[in-house]
Amino acid sequence: MPKNSHSLSALPSQTALPLERLGLRLRAHRVQREWTVAEMSERLLCSPNTLRALESGKPGTSIGLLAHTLWLFGEIDSLDGVAPAPAGLAGKRRVRRSAAQAAAGVIAEGERDF
């Protein structure tokens, strides 16, 4: 049963068109290797319909499936170029929490009302 999402069905063309072009590039990689949809979907451990959705640029397709597809094509490193961090940010910089701030998921004494 297909997933219906109002947010995905209302994508602006600036978002939908790049996804469609990505799907076409993935299809070109598959065709170049002379893999059928059935062979490729078997390699990806997904259904042929899911692969067709990926190659059509459907926005609801799993990003994990995209990563697996890129890995099969030897292109997994291309993900590193997607949304690079702004130049002003340090790559592995940790964010400090103030000492007065409680740890995430911990209920403070004042919040307990039972």
PDB file of N, CA and C in Angstrom:
ATOM      1  N   MET A   1       0.845  -1.169   0.000  1.00  0.00           N
ATOM      2  CA  MET A   1       0.000   0.000   0.000  1.00  0.00           C
ATOM      3  C   MET A   1       0.893   1.235   0.000  1.00  0.00           C
ATOM      4  N   PRO A   2       0.667   2.175  -0.905  1.00  0.00           N
ATOM      5  CA  PRO A   2       1.525   3.358  -0.977  1.00  0.00           C
ATOM      6  C   PRO A   2       1.330   4.275   0.218  1.00  0.00           C
ATOM      7  N   LYS A   3       2.389   4.942   0.565  1.00  0.00           N
ATOM      8  CA  LYS A   3       2.337   5.924   1.642  1.00  0.00           C
ATOM      9  C   LYS A   3       1.833   7.243   1.074  1.00  0.00           C
ATOM     10  N   ASN A   4       0.899   7.850   1.757  1.00  0.00           N
ATOM     11  CA  ASN A   4       0.409   9.161   1.353  1.00  0.00           C
ATOM     12  C   ASN A   4       0.908  10.188   2.342  1.00  0.00           C
ATOM     13  N   SER A   5       1.532  11.213   1.844  1.00  0.00           N
ATOM     14  CA  SER A   5       1.999  12.277   2.705  1.00  0.00           C
ATOM     15  C   SER A   5       1.733  13.606   2.023  1.00  0.00           C
ATOM     16  N   HIS A   6       1.024  14.462   2.711  1.00  0.00           N
ATOM     17  CA  HIS A   6       0.714  15.764   2.129  1.00  0.00           C
ATOM     18  C   HIS A   6       1.978  16.572   1.890  1.00  0.00           C
ATOM     19  N   SER A   7       2.963  16.428   2.767  1.00  0.00           N
ATOM     20  CA  SER A   7       4.188  17.199   2.597  1.00  0.00           C
ATOM     21  C   SER A   7       4.972  16.735   1.369  1.00  0.00           C
ATOM     22  N   LEU A   8       4.927  15.432   1.059  1.00  0.00           N
ATOM     23  CA  LEU A   8       5.659  14.927  -0.101  1.00  0.00           C
ATOM     24  C   LEU A   8       4.930  15.214  -1.402  1.00  0.00           C
ATOM     25  N   SER A   9       3.609  15.210  -1.371  1.00  0.00           N
ATOM     26  CA  SER A   9       2.863  15.444  -2.605  1.00  0.00           C
ATOM     27  C   SER A   9       2.880  16.916  -3.006  1.00  0.00           C
ATOM     28  N   ALA A  10       3.232  17.779  -2.087  1.00  0.00           N
ATOM     29  CA  ALA A  10       3.227  19.218  -2.363  1.00  0.00           C
ATOM     30  C   ALA A  10       4.638  19.769  -2.550  1.00  0.00           C
ATOM     31  N   LEU A  11       5.560  18.932  -2.991  1.00  0.00           N
ATOM     32  CA  LEU A  11       6.930  19.407  -3.180  1.00  0.00           C
ATOM     33  C   LEU A  11       6.989  20.456  -4.282  1.00  0.00           C
ATOM     34  N   PRO A  12       7.745  21.508  -4.072  1.00  0.00           N
ATOM     35  CA  PRO A  12       7.923  22.487  -5.145  1.00  0.00           C
ATOM     36  C   PRO A  12       8.791  21.888  -6.249  1.00  0.00           C
ATOM     37  N   SER A  13       8.665  22.414  -7.434  1.00  0.00           N
ATOM     38  CA  SER A  13       9.429  21.873  -8.564  1.00  0.00           C
ATOM     39  C   SER A  13      10.940  21.998  -8.333  1.00  0.00           C
ATOM     40  N   GLN A  14      11.359  22.986  -7.544  1.00  0.00           N
ATOM     41  CA  GLN A  14      12.787  23.135  -7.248  1.00  0.00           C
ATOM     42  C   GLN A  14      13.307  21.929  -6.463  1.00  0.00           C
ATOM     43  N   THR A  15      12.431  21.182  -5.813  1.00  0.00           N
ATOM     44  CA  THR A  15      12.802  19.989  -5.073  1.00  0.00           C
ATOM     45  C   THR A  15      12.558  18.735  -5.894  1.00  0.00           C
ATOM     46  N   ALA A  16      11.444  18.671  -6.587  1.00  0.00           N
ATOM     47  CA  ALA A  16      11.059  17.473  -7.332  1.00  0.00           C
ATOM     48  C   ALA A  16      11.965  17.219  -8.535  1.00  0.00           C
ATOM     49  N   LEU A  17      12.316  18.245  -9.262  1.00  0.00           N
ATOM     50  CA  LEU A  17      13.121  18.064 -10.479  1.00  0.00           C
ATOM     51  C   LEU A  17      14.514  17.490 -10.196  1.00  0.00           C
ATOM     52  N   PRO A  18      15.246  17.968  -9.187  1.00  0.00           N
ATOM     53  CA  PRO A  18      16.542  17.342  -8.895  1.00  0.00           C
ATOM     54  C   PRO A  18      16.417  15.872  -8.492  1.00  0.00           C
ATOM     55  N   LEU A  19      15.329  15.515  -7.797  1.00  0.00           N
ATOM     56  CA  LEU A  19      15.118  14.110  -7.445  1.00  0.00           C
ATOM     57  C   LEU A  19      14.880  13.270  -8.697  1.00  0.00           C
ATOM     58  N   GLU A  20      14.126  13.802  -9.639  1.00  0.00           N
ATOM     59  CA  GLU A  20      13.881  13.086 -10.892  1.00  0.00           C
ATOM     60  C   GLU A  20      15.181  12.911 -11.672  1.00  0.00           C
ATOM     61  N   ARG A  21      16.005  13.959 -11.705  1.00  0.00           N
ATOM     62  CA  ARG A  21      17.295  13.847 -12.420  1.00  0.00           C
ATOM     63  C   ARG A  21      18.210  12.836 -11.744  1.00  0.00           C
ATOM     64  N   LEU A  22      18.206  12.802 -10.402  1.00  0.00           N
ATOM     65  CA  LEU A  22      18.989  11.807  -9.676  1.00  0.00           C
ATOM     66  C   LEU A  22      18.513  10.404 -10.034  1.00  0.00           C
ATOM     67  N   GLY A  23      17.206  10.200 -10.070  1.00  0.00           N
ATOM     68  CA  GLY A  23      16.661   8.902 -10.446  1.00  0.00           C
ATOM     69  C   GLY A  23      17.096   8.483 -11.834  1.00  0.00           C
ATOM     70  N   LEU A  24      17.100   9.421 -12.767  1.00  0.00           N
ATOM     71  CA  LEU A  24      17.545   9.114 -14.131  1.00  0.00           C
ATOM     72  C   LEU A  24      19.025   8.738 -14.164  1.00  0.00           C
ATOM     73  N   ARG A  25      19.839   9.416 -13.359  1.00  0.00           N
ATOM     74  CA  ARG A  25      21.272   9.065 -13.304  1.00  0.00           C
ATOM     75  C   ARG A  25      21.470   7.667 -12.726  1.00  0.00           C
ATOM     76  N   LEU A  26      20.686   7.339 -11.688  1.00  0.00           N
ATOM     77  CA  LEU A  26      20.782   6.001 -11.108  1.00  0.00           C
ATOM     78  C   LEU A  26      20.361   4.945 -12.125  1.00  0.00           C
ATOM     79  N   ARG A  27      19.316   5.221 -12.868  1.00  0.00           N
ATOM     80  CA  ARG A  27      18.872   4.298 -13.910  1.00  0.00           C
ATOM     81  C   ARG A  27      19.970   4.131 -14.963  1.00  0.00           C
ATOM     82  N   ALA A  28      20.628   5.222 -15.333  1.00  0.00           N
ATOM     83  CA  ALA A  28      21.706   5.147 -16.328  1.00  0.00           C
ATOM     84  C   ALA A  28      22.847   4.256 -15.828  1.00  0.00           C
ATOM     85  N   HIS A  29      23.184   4.356 -14.540  1.00  0.00           N
ATOM     86  CA  HIS A  29      24.221   3.484 -13.967  1.00  0.00           C
ATOM     87  C   HIS A  29      23.796   2.019 -14.071  1.00  0.00           C
ATOM     88  N   ARG A  30      22.536   1.748 -13.765  1.00  0.00           N
ATOM     89  CA  ARG A  30      22.043   0.364 -13.823  1.00  0.00           C
ATOM     90  C   ARG A  30      22.079  -0.161 -15.247  1.00  0.00           C
ATOM     91  N   VAL A  31      21.602   0.639 -16.190  1.00  0.00           N
ATOM     92  CA  VAL A  31      21.569   0.225 -17.593  1.00  0.00           C
ATOM     93  C   VAL A  31      22.982   0.015 -18.131  1.00  0.00           C
ATOM     94  N   GLN A  32      23.909   0.886 -17.735  1.00  0.00           N
ATOM     95  CA  GLN A  32      25.304   0.747 -18.175  1.00  0.00           C
ATOM     96  C   GLN A  32      25.875  -0.598 -17.746  1.00  0.00           C
ATOM     97  N   ARG A  33      25.485  -1.084 -16.584  1.00  0.00           N
ATOM     98  CA  ARG A  33      25.962  -2.374 -16.083  1.00  0.00           C
ATOM     99  C   ARG A  33      25.142  -3.543 -16.630  1.00  0.00           C
ATOM    100  N   GLU A  34      24.129  -3.213 -17.431  1.00  0.00           N
ATOM    101  CA  GLU A  34      23.250  -4.204 -18.039  1.00  0.00           C
ATOM    102  C   GLU A  34      22.521  -5.052 -16.998  1.00  0.00           C
ATOM    103  N   TRP A  35      22.119  -4.403 -15.889  1.00  0.00           N
ATOM    104  CA  TRP A  35      21.335  -5.059 -14.851  1.00  0.00           C
ATOM    105  C   TRP A  35      19.868  -4.769 -15.109  1.00  0.00           C
ATOM    106  N   THR A  36      19.037  -5.777 -14.997  1.00  0.00           N
ATOM    107  CA  THR A  36      17.598  -5.567 -15.113  1.00  0.00           C
ATOM    108  C   THR A  36      17.069  -5.004 -13.793  1.00  0.00           C
ATOM    109  N   VAL A  37      15.831  -4.550 -13.820  1.00  0.00           N
ATOM    110  CA  VAL A  37      15.205  -4.061 -12.596  1.00  0.00           C
ATOM    111  C   VAL A  37      15.147  -5.192 -11.569  1.00  0.00           C
ATOM    112  N   ALA A  38      14.827  -6.397 -12.033  1.00  0.00           N
ATOM    113  CA  ALA A  38      14.742  -7.547 -11.118  1.00  0.00           C
ATOM    114  C   ALA A  38      16.103  -7.849 -10.493  1.00  0.00           C
ATOM    115  N   GLU A  39      17.170  -7.825 -11.287  1.00  0.00           N
ATOM    116  CA  GLU A  39      18.520  -8.104 -10.761  1.00  0.00           C
ATOM    117  C   GLU A  39      18.948  -7.027  -9.762  1.00  0.00           C
ATOM    118  N   MET A  40      18.701  -5.782 -10.113  1.00  0.00           N
ATOM    119  CA  MET A  40      19.106  -4.683  -9.239  1.00  0.00           C
ATOM    120  C   MET A  40      18.318  -4.701  -7.933  1.00  0.00           C
ATOM    121  N   SER A  41      17.020  -4.929  -8.014  1.00  0.00           N
ATOM    122  CA  SER A  41      16.220  -4.954  -6.791  1.00  0.00           C
ATOM    123  C   SER A  41      16.627  -6.121  -5.904  1.00  0.00           C
ATOM    124  N   GLU A  42      17.045  -7.228  -6.507  1.00  0.00           N
ATOM    125  CA  GLU A  42      17.546  -8.354  -5.711  1.00  0.00           C
ATOM    126  C   GLU A  42      18.836  -7.970  -4.993  1.00  0.00           C
ATOM    127  N   ARG A  43      19.711  -7.258  -5.677  1.00  0.00           N
ATOM    128  CA  ARG A  43      20.960  -6.806  -5.055  1.00  0.00           C
ATOM    129  C   ARG A  43      20.691  -5.825  -3.907  1.00  0.00           C
ATOM    130  N   LEU A  44      19.646  -5.017  -4.069  1.00  0.00           N
ATOM    131  CA  LEU A  44      19.309  -4.006  -3.058  1.00  0.00           C
ATOM    132  C   LEU A  44      18.418  -4.556  -1.954  1.00  0.00           C
ATOM    133  N   LEU A  45      17.948  -5.784  -2.118  1.00  0.00           N
ATOM    134  CA  LEU A  45      17.030  -6.407  -1.162  1.00  0.00           C
ATOM    135  C   LEU A  45      15.746  -5.591  -1.029  1.00  0.00           C
ATOM    136  N   CYS A  46      15.233  -5.131  -2.163  1.00  0.00           N
ATOM    137  CA  CYS A  46      13.978  -4.386  -2.176  1.00  0.00           C
ATOM    138  C   CYS A  46      13.114  -4.928  -3.313  1.00  0.00           C
ATOM    139  N   SER A  47      11.896  -4.465  -3.381  1.00  0.00           N
ATOM    140  CA  SER A  47      11.006  -4.907  -4.454  1.00  0.00           C
ATOM    141  C   SER A  47      11.328  -4.138  -5.736  1.00  0.00           C
ATOM    142  N   PRO A  48      10.973  -4.718  -6.889  1.00  0.00           N
ATOM    143  CA  PRO A  48      11.149  -3.977  -8.145  1.00  0.00           C
ATOM    144  C   PRO A  48      10.400  -2.650  -8.151  1.00  0.00           C
ATOM    145  N   ASN A  49       9.223  -2.610  -7.528  1.00  0.00           N
ATOM    146  CA  ASN A  49       8.474  -1.347  -7.480  1.00  0.00           C
ATOM    147  C   ASN A  49       9.199  -0.282  -6.674  1.00  0.00           C
ATOM    148  N   THR A  50       9.876  -0.684  -5.611  1.00  0.00           N
ATOM    149  CA  THR A  50      10.636   0.281  -4.816  1.00  0.00           C
ATOM    150  C   THR A  50      11.805   0.827  -5.627  1.00  0.00           C
ATOM    151  N   LEU A  51      12.473  -0.042  -6.370  1.00  0.00           N
ATOM    152  CA  LEU A  51      13.565   0.420  -7.236  1.00  0.00           C
ATOM    153  C   LEU A  51      13.040   1.366  -8.302  1.00  0.00           C
ATOM    154  N   ARG A  52      11.901   1.035  -8.882  1.00  0.00           N
ATOM    155  CA  ARG A  52      11.307   1.932  -9.892  1.00  0.00           C
ATOM    156  C   ARG A  52      10.981   3.303  -9.275  1.00  0.00           C
ATOM    157  N   ALA A  53      10.514   3.294  -8.035  1.00  0.00           N
ATOM    158  CA  ALA A  53      10.214   4.561  -7.350  1.00  0.00           C
ATOM    159  C   ALA A  53      11.490   5.377  -7.169  1.00  0.00           C
ATOM    160  N   LEU A  54      12.589   4.713  -6.798  1.00  0.00           N
ATOM    161  CA  LEU A  54      13.876   5.405  -6.641  1.00  0.00           C
ATOM    162  C   LEU A  54      14.324   5.996  -7.969  1.00  0.00           C
ATOM    163  N   GLU A  55      14.221   5.203  -9.032  1.00  0.00           N
ATOM    164  CA  GLU A  55      14.661   5.667 -10.348  1.00  0.00           C
ATOM    165  C   GLU A  55      13.722   6.711 -10.945  1.00  0.00           C
ATOM    166  N   SER A  56      12.520   6.819 -10.410  1.00  0.00           N
ATOM    167  CA  SER A  56      11.572   7.842 -10.871  1.00  0.00           C
ATOM    168  C   SER A  56      11.704   9.132 -10.080  1.00  0.00           C
ATOM    169  N   GLY A  57      12.505   9.101  -9.018  1.00  0.00           N
ATOM    170  CA  GLY A  57      12.680  10.298  -8.199  1.00  0.00           C
ATOM    171  C   GLY A  57      11.561  10.523  -7.216  1.00  0.00           C
ATOM    172  N   LYS A  58      10.867   9.467  -6.817  1.00  0.00           N
ATOM    173  CA  LYS A  58       9.788   9.609  -5.837  1.00  0.00           C
ATOM    174  C   LYS A  58      10.382  10.046  -4.503  1.00  0.00           C
ATOM    175  N   PRO A  59       9.863  11.103  -3.902  1.00  0.00           N
ATOM    176  CA  PRO A  59      10.466  11.657  -2.686  1.00  0.00           C
ATOM    177  C   PRO A  59      10.321  10.786  -1.442  1.00  0.00           C
ATOM    178  N   GLY A  60       9.414   9.826  -1.439  1.00  0.00           N
ATOM    179  CA  GLY A  60       9.223   8.996  -0.260  1.00  0.00           C
ATOM    180  C   GLY A  60      10.161   7.802  -0.181  1.00  0.00           C
ATOM    181  N   THR A  61      11.047   7.669  -1.150  1.00  0.00           N
ATOM    182  CA  THR A  61      11.963   6.531  -1.168  1.00  0.00           C
ATOM    183  C   THR A  61      13.021   6.706  -0.081  1.00  0.00           C
ATOM    184  N   SER A  62      13.394   5.605   0.538  1.00  0.00           N
ATOM    185  CA  SER A  62      14.328   5.613   1.667  1.00  0.00           C
ATOM    186  C   SER A  62      15.702   6.156   1.274  1.00  0.00           C
ATOM    187  N   ILE A  63      16.248   7.005   2.141  1.00  0.00           N
ATOM    188  CA  ILE A  63      17.600   7.504   1.916  1.00  0.00           C
ATOM    189  C   ILE A  63      18.618   6.368   2.104  1.00  0.00           C
ATOM    190  N   GLY A  64      18.253   5.388   2.924  1.00  0.00           N
ATOM    191  CA  GLY A  64      19.111   4.215   3.084  1.00  0.00           C
ATOM    192  C   GLY A  64      19.221   3.420   1.793  1.00  0.00           C
ATOM    193  N   LEU A  65      18.110   3.319   1.066  1.00  0.00           N
ATOM    194  CA  LEU A  65      18.126   2.636  -0.224  1.00  0.00           C
ATOM    195  C   LEU A  65      18.983   3.414  -1.213  1.00  0.00           C
ATOM    196  N   LEU A  66      18.897   4.718  -1.176  1.00  0.00           N
ATOM    197  CA  LEU A  66      19.741   5.548  -2.039  1.00  0.00           C
ATOM    198  C   LEU A  66      21.212   5.301  -1.725  1.00  0.00           C
ATOM    199  N   ALA A  67      21.566   5.283  -0.448  1.00  0.00           N
ATOM    200  CA  ALA A  67      22.960   5.053  -0.057  1.00  0.00           C
ATOM    201  C   ALA A  67      23.413   3.662  -0.494  1.00  0.00           C
ATOM    202  N   HIS A  68      22.574   2.664  -0.330  1.00  0.00           N
ATOM    203  CA  HIS A  68      22.925   1.308  -0.748  1.00  0.00           C
ATOM    204  C   HIS A  68      23.134   1.250  -2.262  1.00  0.00           C
ATOM    205  N   THR A  69      22.282   1.933  -3.006  1.00  0.00           N
ATOM    206  CA  THR A  69      22.407   1.988  -4.462  1.00  0.00           C
ATOM    207  C   THR A  69      23.727   2.634  -4.867  1.00  0.00           C
ATOM    208  N   LEU A  70      24.049   3.752  -4.249  1.00  0.00           N
ATOM    209  CA  LEU A  70      25.319   4.421  -4.559  1.00  0.00           C
ATOM    210  C   LEU A  70      26.498   3.514  -4.232  1.00  0.00           C
ATOM    211  N   TRP A  71      26.401   2.781  -3.142  1.00  0.00           N
ATOM    212  CA  TRP A  71      27.472   1.857  -2.771  1.00  0.00           C
ATOM    213  C   TRP A  71      27.638   0.775  -3.828  1.00  0.00           C
ATOM    214  N   LEU A  72      26.521   0.201  -4.308  1.00  0.00           N
ATOM    215  CA  LEU A  72      26.604  -0.830  -5.346  1.00  0.00           C
ATOM    216  C   LEU A  72      27.273  -0.310  -6.614  1.00  0.00           C
ATOM    217  N   PHE A  73      27.049   0.964  -6.913  1.00  0.00           N
ATOM    218  CA  PHE A  73      27.628   1.563  -8.109  1.00  0.00           C
ATOM    219  C   PHE A  73      29.041   2.092  -7.877  1.00  0.00           C
ATOM    220  N   GLY A  74      29.552   1.957  -6.663  1.00  0.00           N
ATOM    221  CA  GLY A  74      30.878   2.479  -6.359  1.00  0.00           C
ATOM    222  C   GLY A  74      30.908   3.988  -6.244  1.00  0.00           C
ATOM    223  N   GLU A  75      29.780   4.575  -5.910  1.00  0.00           N
ATOM    224  CA  GLU A  75      29.650   6.036  -5.856  1.00  0.00           C
ATOM    225  C   GLU A  75      29.293   6.540  -4.467  1.00  0.00           C
ATOM    226  N   ILE A  76      29.484   5.729  -3.433  1.00  0.00           N
ATOM    227  CA  ILE A  76      29.060   6.118  -2.089  1.00  0.00           C
ATOM    228  C   ILE A  76      29.757   7.394  -1.615  1.00  0.00           C
ATOM    229  N   ASP A  77      30.980   7.626  -2.057  1.00  0.00           N
ATOM    230  CA  ASP A  77      31.696   8.838  -1.647  1.00  0.00           C
ATOM    231  C   ASP A  77      31.024  10.111  -2.158  1.00  0.00           C
ATOM    232  N   SER A  78      30.172   9.994  -3.161  1.00  0.00           N
ATOM    233  CA  SER A  78      29.488  11.188  -3.671  1.00  0.00           C
ATOM    234  C   SER A  78      28.521  11.774  -2.642  1.00  0.00           C
ATOM    235  N   LEU A  79      28.118  10.988  -1.647  1.00  0.00           N
ATOM    236  CA  LEU A  79      27.251  11.519  -0.590  1.00  0.00           C
ATOM    237  C   LEU A  79      27.960  12.570   0.257  1.00  0.00           C
ATOM    238  N   ASP A  80      29.284  12.499   0.326  1.00  0.00           N
ATOM    239  CA  ASP A  80      30.032  13.480   1.111  1.00  0.00           C
ATOM    240  C   ASP A  80      29.894  14.891   0.554  1.00  0.00           C
ATOM    241  N   GLY A  81      29.550  15.007  -0.720  1.00  0.00           N
ATOM    242  CA  GLY A  81      29.388  16.315  -1.332  1.00  0.00           C
ATOM    243  C   GLY A  81      28.001  16.910  -1.149  1.00  0.00           C
ATOM    244  N   VAL A  82      27.073  16.143  -0.574  1.00  0.00           N
ATOM    245  CA  VAL A  82      25.703  16.621  -0.386  1.00  0.00           C
ATOM    246  C   VAL A  82      25.636  17.489   0.862  1.00  0.00           C
ATOM    247  N   ALA A  83      25.123  18.683   0.712  1.00  0.00           N
ATOM    248  CA  ALA A  83      24.926  19.632   1.814  1.00  0.00           C
ATOM    249  C   ALA A  83      26.175  19.783   2.676  1.00  0.00           C
ATOM    250  N   PRO A  84      27.266  20.255   2.092  1.00  0.00           N
ATOM    251  CA  PRO A  84      28.478  20.434   2.897  1.00  0.00           C
ATOM    252  C   PRO A  84      28.247  21.425   4.034  1.00  0.00           C
ATOM    253  N   ALA A  85      28.946  21.215   5.133  1.00  0.00           N
ATOM    254  CA  ALA A  85      28.822  22.097   6.288  1.00  0.00           C
ATOM    255  C   ALA A  85      29.337  23.493   5.933  1.00  0.00           C
ATOM    256  N   PRO A  86      28.729  24.525   6.502  1.00  0.00           N
ATOM    257  CA  PRO A  86      29.220  25.883   6.266  1.00  0.00           C
ATOM    258  C   PRO A  86      30.693  25.998   6.667  1.00  0.00           C
ATOM    259  N   ALA A  87      31.425  26.797   5.934  1.00  0.00           N
ATOM    260  CA  ALA A  87      32.874  26.910   6.131  1.00  0.00           C
ATOM    261  C   ALA A  87      33.243  27.367   7.537  1.00  0.00           C
ATOM    262  N   GLY A  88      32.408  28.133   8.203  1.00  0.00           N
ATOM    263  CA  GLY A  88      32.727  28.661   9.522  1.00  0.00           C
ATOM    264  C   GLY A  88      32.618  27.648  10.645  1.00  0.00           C
ATOM    265  N   LEU A  89      32.016  26.500  10.375  1.00  0.00           N
ATOM    266  CA  LEU A  89      31.849  25.511  11.429  1.00  0.00           C
ATOM    267  C   LEU A  89      32.994  24.515  11.419  1.00  0.00           C
ATOM    268  N   ALA A  90      33.461  24.189  12.606  1.00  0.00           N
ATOM    269  CA  ALA A  90      34.484  23.148  12.717  1.00  0.00           C
ATOM    270  C   ALA A  90      33.807  21.804  12.531  1.00  0.00           C
ATOM    271  N   GLY A  91      34.457  20.885  11.844  1.00  0.00           N
ATOM    272  CA  GLY A  91      33.873  19.598  11.525  1.00  0.00           C
ATOM    273  C   GLY A  91      33.490  18.759  12.726  1.00  0.00           C
ATOM    274  N   LYS A  92      34.326  18.710  13.745  1.00  0.00           N
ATOM    275  CA  LYS A  92      34.044  17.824  14.883  1.00  0.00           C
ATOM    276  C   LYS A  92      33.899  18.610  16.181  1.00  0.00           C
ATOM    277  N   ARG A  93      33.426  19.817  16.084  1.00  0.00           N
ATOM    278  CA  ARG A  93      33.272  20.667  17.252  1.00  0.00           C
ATOM    279  C   ARG A  93      32.100  20.201  18.097  1.00  0.00           C
ATOM    280  N   ARG A  94      32.300  20.052  19.372  1.00  0.00           N
ATOM    281  CA  ARG A  94      31.238  19.654  20.285  1.00  0.00           C
ATOM    282  C   ARG A  94      30.546  20.895  20.836  1.00  0.00           C
ATOM    283  N   VAL A  95      29.288  20.766  21.084  1.00  0.00           N
ATOM    284  CA  VAL A  95      28.510  21.864  21.649  1.00  0.00           C
ATOM    285  C   VAL A  95      28.424  21.641  23.145  1.00  0.00           C
ATOM    286  N   ARG A  96      28.807  22.651  23.904  1.00  0.00           N
ATOM    287  CA  ARG A  96      28.757  22.538  25.362  1.00  0.00           C
ATOM    288  C   ARG A  96      27.392  22.947  25.872  1.00  0.00           C
ATOM    289  N   ARG A  97      26.947  22.226  26.865  1.00  0.00           N
ATOM    290  CA  ARG A  97      25.690  22.521  27.525  1.00  0.00           C
ATOM    291  C   ARG A  97      26.029  23.270  28.806  1.00  0.00           C
ATOM    292  N   SER A  98      25.206  24.253  29.166  1.00  0.00           N
ATOM    293  CA  SER A  98      25.491  24.985  30.394  1.00  0.00           C
ATOM    294  C   SER A  98      25.301  24.059  31.585  1.00  0.00           C
ATOM    295  N   ALA A  99      26.026  24.303  32.644  1.00  0.00           N
ATOM    296  CA  ALA A  99      25.981  23.455  33.831  1.00  0.00           C
ATOM    297  C   ALA A  99      24.598  23.454  34.460  1.00  0.00           C
ATOM    298  N   ALA A 100      23.849  24.541  34.326  1.00  0.00           N
ATOM    299  CA  ALA A 100      22.525  24.638  34.936  1.00  0.00           C
ATOM    300  C   ALA A 100      21.470  23.849  34.155  1.00  0.00           C
ATOM    301  N   GLN A 101      21.782  23.508  32.923  1.00  0.00           N
ATOM    302  CA  GLN A 101      20.826  22.812  32.073  1.00  0.00           C
ATOM    303  C   GLN A 101      20.848  21.313  32.374  1.00  0.00           C
ATOM    304  N   ALA A 102      19.683  20.723  32.561  1.00  0.00           N
ATOM    305  CA  ALA A 102      19.577  19.293  32.862  1.00  0.00           C
ATOM    306  C   ALA A 102      19.903  18.469  31.626  1.00  0.00           C
ATOM    307  N   ALA A 103      20.335  17.266  31.857  1.00  0.00           N
ATOM    308  CA  ALA A 103      20.621  16.356  30.752  1.00  0.00           C
ATOM    309  C   ALA A 103      19.321  16.002  30.046  1.00  0.00           C
ATOM    310  N   ALA A 104      19.411  15.694  28.764  1.00  0.00           N
ATOM    311  CA  ALA A 104      18.233  15.349  27.989  1.00  0.00           C
ATOM    312  C   ALA A 104      17.577  14.095  28.549  1.00  0.00           C
ATOM    313  N   GLY A 105      16.261  14.116  28.652  1.00  0.00           N
ATOM    314  CA  GLY A 105      15.519  12.958  29.119  1.00  0.00           C
ATOM    315  C   GLY A 105      15.407  12.842  30.633  1.00  0.00           C
ATOM    316  N   VAL A 106      15.999  13.755  31.387  1.00  0.00           N
ATOM    317  CA  VAL A 106      15.948  13.698  32.844  1.00  0.00           C
ATOM    318  C   VAL A 106      14.852  14.640  33.329  1.00  0.00           C
ATOM    319  N   ILE A 107      13.989  14.129  34.208  1.00  0.00           N
ATOM    320  CA  ILE A 107      12.896  14.940  34.752  1.00  0.00           C
ATOM    321  C   ILE A 107      13.392  15.625  36.018  1.00  0.00           C
ATOM    322  N   ALA A 108      13.287  16.938  36.031  1.00  0.00           N
ATOM    323  CA  ALA A 108      13.720  17.716  37.187  1.00  0.00           C
ATOM    324  C   ALA A 108      12.733  17.532  38.326  1.00  0.00           C
ATOM    325  N   GLU A 109      13.191  17.762  39.569  1.00  0.00           N
ATOM    326  CA  GLU A 109      12.348  17.601  40.751  1.00  0.00           C
ATOM    327  C   GLU A 109      11.092  18.454  40.671  1.00  0.00           C
ATOM    328  N   GLY A 110      11.195  19.678  40.157  1.00  0.00           N
ATOM    329  CA  GLY A 110      10.059  20.573  40.070  1.00  0.00           C
ATOM    330  C   GLY A 110       9.018  20.128  39.053  1.00  0.00           C
ATOM    331  N   GLU A 111       9.379  19.222  38.160  1.00  0.00           N
ATOM    332  CA  GLU A 111       8.446  18.757  37.129  1.00  0.00           C
ATOM    333  C   GLU A 111       7.640  17.539  37.574  1.00  0.00           C
ATOM    334  N   ARG A 112       8.002  16.955  38.692  1.00  0.00           N
ATOM    335  CA  ARG A 112       7.297  15.764  39.168  1.00  0.00           C
ATOM    336  C   ARG A 112       6.074  16.211  39.958  1.00  0.00           C
ATOM    337  N   ASP A 113       4.896  15.858  39.486  1.00  0.00           N
ATOM    338  CA  ASP A 113       3.682  16.325  40.137  1.00  0.00           C
ATOM    339  C   ASP A 113       2.769  15.165  40.566  1.00  0.00           C
ATOM    340  N   PHE A 114       3.320  14.029  40.804  1.00  0.00           N
ATOM    341  CA  PHE A 114       2.486  12.900  41.219  1.00  0.00           C
ATOM    342  C   PHE A 114       2.750  12.476  42.633  1.00  0.00           C
TER     343      PHE A 114
END
